[in-house]
C-alpha cells in the first residue's frame, strides 16, 4: 500500500461501512483509517485538495461513530471536535 491512489481510501471506507461481521468490520476500519492517514501524508498541500480532505474528515468521523455503535468503542471527542470545526479551506 505504498502508492495509494486517491480513491483507495474511499474504497476501503465503503468496504468497512458495508461489513456486517464485527471482527471483519474492526479490521476493515483499521485498514480504512490507515489508508486515510497515508493519503493525507501524500498530499503536499492539503489546501489544494480541500474537498478530498473534507471527505476524509467526515469518513473518519463516520468510522468513529460505527466503532461506538457496532463495536462498543468509546467516542473520540477530540476527533469529533476536530472534524466538526474544519473550515471551508480544508
Protein backbone atom coordinates (compact mmCIF):
# COMPACT_ATOMS: atom_id res chain seq x y z
CA UNK A 1 0.00 0.00 0.00
CA UNK A 2 2.87 2.37 -0.63
CA UNK A 3 1.45 4.11 -3.69
CA UNK A 4 -2.14 4.85 -2.75
CA UNK A 5 -4.46 6.22 -5.36
CA UNK A 6 -6.77 8.99 -4.14
CA UNK A 7 -9.72 6.61 -4.44
CA UNK A 8 -8.18 3.78 -2.39
CA UNK A 9 -9.14 5.28 0.97
CA UNK A 10 -12.70 5.74 -0.31
CA UNK A 11 -12.90 2.10 -1.41
CA UNK A 12 -11.57 0.98 1.98
CA UNK A 13 -14.13 3.18 3.76
CA UNK A 14 -17.04 1.79 1.71
CA UNK A 15 -15.94 -1.80 2.38
CA UNK A 16 -15.81 -1.03 6.10
CA UNK A 17 -19.23 0.59 6.42
CA UNK A 18 -20.90 -2.22 4.44
CA UNK A 19 -19.42 -5.03 6.57
CA UNK A 20 -21.87 -6.85 8.87
CA UNK A 21 -19.34 -9.11 10.64
CA UNK A 22 -17.91 -7.41 13.76
CA UNK A 23 -14.41 -8.89 13.53
CA UNK A 24 -14.08 -8.12 9.84
CA UNK A 25 -15.59 -4.67 10.43
CA UNK A 26 -12.93 -3.85 13.04
CA UNK A 27 -10.16 -4.93 10.65
CA UNK A 28 -11.63 -3.01 7.70
CA UNK A 29 -12.00 0.15 9.78
CA UNK A 30 -8.32 -0.07 10.76
CA UNK A 31 -7.40 -0.51 7.09
CA UNK A 32 -9.55 2.45 6.04
CA UNK A 33 -8.08 4.63 8.79
CA UNK A 34 -4.57 3.67 7.67
CA UNK A 35 -5.45 4.46 4.04
CA UNK A 36 -6.76 7.90 5.07
CA UNK A 37 -3.66 8.70 7.13
CA UNK A 38 -1.39 7.53 4.33
CA UNK A 39 -3.29 9.54 1.70
CA UNK A 40 -3.19 12.63 3.90
CA UNK A 41 0.60 12.26 4.15
CA UNK A 42 0.81 12.06 0.35
CA UNK A 43 -0.81 15.48 -0.08
CA UNK A 44 1.93 18.08 -0.36
CA UNK A 45 -0.53 20.92 0.05
CA UNK A 46 -3.85 19.76 1.57
CA UNK A 47 -5.47 23.10 0.70
CA UNK A 48 -5.24 22.08 -2.96
CA UNK A 49 -7.39 19.03 -2.12
CA UNK A 50 -9.90 20.65 0.21
CA UNK A 51 -12.85 18.56 -0.97
CA UNK A 52 -10.95 15.32 -0.50
CA UNK A 53 -9.61 16.42 2.88
CA UNK A 54 -13.14 17.32 3.99
CA UNK A 55 -14.39 13.91 2.80
CA UNK A 56 -11.58 12.16 4.70
CA UNK A 57 -12.51 14.02 7.89
CA UNK A 58 -16.16 13.09 7.54
CA UNK A 59 -15.30 9.46 6.77
CA UNK A 60 -13.10 9.34 9.86
CA UNK A 61 -15.93 10.75 11.96
CA UNK A 62 -18.36 8.20 10.48
CA UNK A 63 -15.98 5.34 11.29
CA UNK A 64 -15.63 6.60 14.84
CA UNK A 65 -19.40 6.51 15.12
CA UNK A 66 -19.50 2.96 13.74
CA UNK A 67 -16.86 1.89 16.26
CA UNK A 68 -19.06 3.23 19.07
CA UNK A 69 -22.36 1.86 17.80
CA UNK A 70 -21.34 -1.51 16.38
CA UNK A 71 -18.10 -2.38 18.15
CA UNK A 72 -18.76 -0.95 21.60
CA UNK A 73 -15.95 1.57 21.39
CA UNK A 74 -15.73 4.92 23.11
CA UNK A 75 -16.40 8.14 21.21
CA UNK A 76 -13.22 10.04 20.34
CA UNK A 77 -14.24 13.53 21.49
CA UNK A 78 -11.04 15.11 20.16
CA UNK A 79 -11.80 13.68 16.72
CA UNK A 80 -15.37 14.93 16.95
CA UNK A 81 -14.18 18.44 17.83
CA UNK A 82 -11.58 18.48 15.03
CA UNK A 83 -13.92 17.10 12.38
CA UNK A 84 -16.75 19.43 13.22
CA UNK A 85 -14.64 22.56 13.39
CA UNK A 86 -12.99 22.38 9.98
CA UNK A 87 -13.29 25.37 7.69
CA UNK A 88 -14.17 25.57 4.01
CA UNK A 89 -10.48 25.83 3.06
CA UNK A 90 -9.80 22.31 4.43
